Amino acid sequence: MHIGELVLPEGATIADALKAALAAGLLPPEVREGLQAGALSVALNGRARPPECRLGAFDRIELLGPLTVDPKIARQRRVAHRRAALARDKWSGPGR
């Protein structure tokens, strides 16, 4: 989801950008609470970064919520789903 764009001074940090976005009304107040409570983490261009990290031109800040499922379990479920789909299609493929 794309929320908006901000123009920040040279040397701005992720924390500065979040403060500016909250002040501009681009983010709901729950985001501030989530960040303070540690329920949300921050990523810069897809990589986890601390709020003190400096921004560059056209950087993308992402707010990440807590994981709802263990990544290992999610992968096992995807593999099981694909294998089940292949087993069903094995005999009903083209030419049958």
C-alpha atoms as a PDB file:
ATOM      1  CA  MET A   1       0.000   0.000   0.000  1.00  0.00           C
ATOM      2  CA  HIS A   2       1.449   3.349  -1.012  1.00  0.00           C
ATOM      3  CA  ILE A   3       0.690   6.009   1.591  1.00  0.00           C
ATOM      4  CA  GLY A   4       2.441   9.050   0.189  1.00  0.00           C
ATOM      5  CA  GLU A   5       5.687  10.848  -0.456  1.00  0.00           C
ATOM      6  CA  LEU A   6       7.646  13.261   1.706  1.00  0.00           C
ATOM      7  CA  VAL A   7      10.372  15.739   0.881  1.00  0.00           C
ATOM      8  CA  LEU A   8      12.909  15.740   3.716  1.00  0.00           C
ATOM      9  CA  PRO A   9      16.167  17.632   4.254  1.00  0.00           C
ATOM     10  CA  GLU A  10      19.508  16.040   3.479  1.00  0.00           C
ATOM     11  CA  GLY A  11      20.638  13.666   6.230  1.00  0.00           C
ATOM     12  CA  ALA A  12      17.132  12.840   7.476  1.00  0.00           C
ATOM     13  CA  THR A  13      16.646   9.535   9.279  1.00  0.00           C
ATOM     14  CA  ILE A  14      13.850   6.999   9.264  1.00  0.00           C
ATOM     15  CA  ALA A  15      12.660   8.411  12.600  1.00  0.00           C
ATOM     16  CA  ASP A  16      12.516  11.910  11.062  1.00  0.00           C
ATOM     17  CA  ALA A  17      10.475  10.601   8.143  1.00  0.00           C
ATOM     18  CA  LEU A  18       8.024   8.824  10.436  1.00  0.00           C
ATOM     19  CA  LYS A  19       7.585  11.955  12.567  1.00  0.00           C
ATOM     20  CA  ALA A  20       6.970  14.034   9.433  1.00  0.00           C
ATOM     21  CA  ALA A  21       4.487  11.483   8.070  1.00  0.00           C
ATOM     22  CA  LEU A  22       2.571  11.446  11.356  1.00  0.00           C
ATOM     23  CA  ALA A  23       2.547  15.262  11.498  1.00  0.00           C
ATOM     24  CA  ALA A  24       1.317  15.460   7.884  1.00  0.00           C
ATOM     25  CA  GLY A  25      -1.497  13.012   8.633  1.00  0.00           C
ATOM     26  CA  LEU A  26      -0.183  10.368   6.245  1.00  0.00           C
ATOM     27  CA  LEU A  27      -0.160   7.723   8.974  1.00  0.00           C
ATOM     28  CA  PRO A  28      -2.846   6.927  11.534  1.00  0.00           C
ATOM     29  CA  PRO A  29      -2.071   7.512  15.231  1.00  0.00           C
ATOM     30  CA  GLU A  30      -2.094   3.736  15.819  1.00  0.00           C
ATOM     31  CA  VAL A  31       1.214   3.572  13.948  1.00  0.00           C
ATOM     32  CA  ARG A  32       2.897   5.736  16.579  1.00  0.00           C
ATOM     33  CA  GLU A  33       1.508   3.494  19.315  1.00  0.00           C
ATOM     34  CA  GLY A  34       2.631   0.377  17.440  1.00  0.00           C
ATOM     35  CA  LEU A  35       6.155   1.695  17.002  1.00  0.00           C
ATOM     36  CA  GLN A  36       6.416   2.759  20.646  1.00  0.00           C
ATOM     37  CA  ALA A  37       5.084  -0.600  21.848  1.00  0.00           C
ATOM     38  CA  GLY A  38       7.487  -2.507  19.604  1.00  0.00           C
ATOM     39  CA  ALA A  39       4.633  -4.159  17.694  1.00  0.00           C
ATOM     40  CA  LEU A  40       5.825  -2.648  14.406  1.00  0.00           C
ATOM     41  CA  SER A  41       9.298  -2.752  12.950  1.00  0.00           C
ATOM     42  CA  VAL A  42      10.755  -0.630  10.165  1.00  0.00           C
ATOM     43  CA  ALA A  43      12.370  -1.667   6.897  1.00  0.00           C
ATOM     44  CA  LEU A  44      14.156   0.494   4.362  1.00  0.00           C
ATOM     45  CA  ASN A  45      13.906  -0.733   0.778  1.00  0.00           C
ATOM     46  CA  GLY A  46      12.974  -4.217   1.988  1.00  0.00           C
ATOM     47  CA  ARG A  47      15.653  -4.617   4.677  1.00  0.00           C
ATOM     48  CA  ALA A  48      15.175  -4.194   8.414  1.00  0.00           C
ATOM     49  CA  ARG A  49      16.864  -1.029   9.629  1.00  0.00           C
ATOM     50  CA  PRO A  50      17.003   0.912  12.906  1.00  0.00           C
ATOM     51  CA  PRO A  51      15.187   4.272  13.127  1.00  0.00           C
ATOM     52  CA  GLU A  52      18.565   6.084  13.230  1.00  0.00           C
ATOM     53  CA  CYS A  53      19.407   4.945   9.689  1.00  0.00           C
ATOM     54  CA  ARG A  54      19.917   7.830   7.251  1.00  0.00           C
ATOM     55  CA  LEU A  55      17.752   8.061   4.154  1.00  0.00           C
ATOM     56  CA  GLY A  56      18.809   8.496   0.564  1.00  0.00           C
ATOM     57  CA  ALA A  57      16.926   9.830  -2.429  1.00  0.00           C
ATOM     58  CA  PHE A  58      13.806   7.814  -3.305  1.00  0.00           C
ATOM     59  CA  ASP A  59      14.152   5.389  -0.378  1.00  0.00           C
ATOM     60  CA  ARG A  60      11.049   3.391   0.526  1.00  0.00           C
ATOM     61  CA  ILE A  61      10.144   2.971   4.199  1.00  0.00           C
ATOM     62  CA  GLU A  62       8.028  -0.023   5.142  1.00  0.00           C
ATOM     63  CA  LEU A  63       6.235  -0.652   8.425  1.00  0.00           C
ATOM     64  CA  LEU A  64       6.157  -4.339   9.274  1.00  0.00           C
ATOM     65  CA  GLY A  65       3.730  -5.925  11.689  1.00  0.00           C
ATOM     66  CA  PRO A  66       4.373  -9.036  13.732  1.00  0.00           C
ATOM     67  CA  LEU A  67       4.489 -12.389  11.975  1.00  0.00           C
ATOM     68  CA  THR A  68       1.168 -14.198  12.118  1.00  0.00           C
ATOM     69  CA  VAL A  69       2.642 -17.592  11.289  1.00  0.00           C
ATOM     70  CA  ASP A  70       6.110 -19.112  11.570  1.00  0.00           C
ATOM     71  CA  PRO A  71       7.837 -18.791   8.153  1.00  0.00           C
ATOM     72  CA  LYS A  72       8.916 -22.437   8.288  1.00  0.00           C
ATOM     73  CA  ILE A  73       5.331 -23.599   8.831  1.00  0.00           C
ATOM     74  CA  ALA A  74       4.085 -21.310   6.044  1.00  0.00           C
ATOM     75  CA  ARG A  75       6.604 -22.808   3.620  1.00  0.00           C
ATOM     76  CA  GLN A  76       5.627 -26.358   4.601  1.00  0.00           C
ATOM     77  CA  ARG A  77       1.964 -25.519   3.943  1.00  0.00           C
ATOM     78  CA  ARG A  78       2.763 -24.041   0.507  1.00  0.00           C
ATOM     79  CA  VAL A  79       4.777 -27.118  -0.480  1.00  0.00           C
ATOM     80  CA  ALA A  80       2.023 -29.458   0.705  1.00  0.00           C
ATOM     81  CA  HIS A  81      -0.557 -27.457  -1.256  1.00  0.00           C
ATOM     82  CA  ARG A  82       1.539 -27.586  -4.455  1.00  0.00           C
ATOM     83  CA  ARG A  83       2.171 -31.316  -4.093  1.00  0.00           C
ATOM     84  CA  ALA A  84      -1.533 -31.979  -3.599  1.00  0.00           C
ATOM     85  CA  ALA A  85      -2.345 -29.932  -6.717  1.00  0.00           C
ATOM     86  CA  LEU A  86       0.246 -31.838  -8.776  1.00  0.00           C
ATOM     87  CA  ALA A  87      -1.126 -35.178  -7.595  1.00  0.00           C
ATOM     88  CA  ARG A  88      -4.635 -34.214  -8.750  1.00  0.00           C
ATOM     89  CA  ASP A  89      -3.416 -32.982 -12.144  1.00  0.00           C
ATOM     90  CA  LYS A  90      -1.121 -35.945 -12.798  1.00  0.00           C
ATOM     91  CA  TRP A  91      -3.729 -37.984 -14.663  1.00  0.00           C
ATOM     92  CA  SER A  92      -5.901 -35.187 -15.982  1.00  0.00           C
ATOM     93  CA  GLY A  93      -3.220 -33.285 -17.897  1.00  0.00           C
ATOM     94  CA  PRO A  94      -3.251 -32.507 -21.644  1.00  0.00           C
ATOM     95  CA  GLY A  95      -3.790 -35.441 -24.003  1.00  0.00           C
ATOM     96  CA  ARG A  96      -5.879 -37.467 -21.551  1.00  0.00           C
END
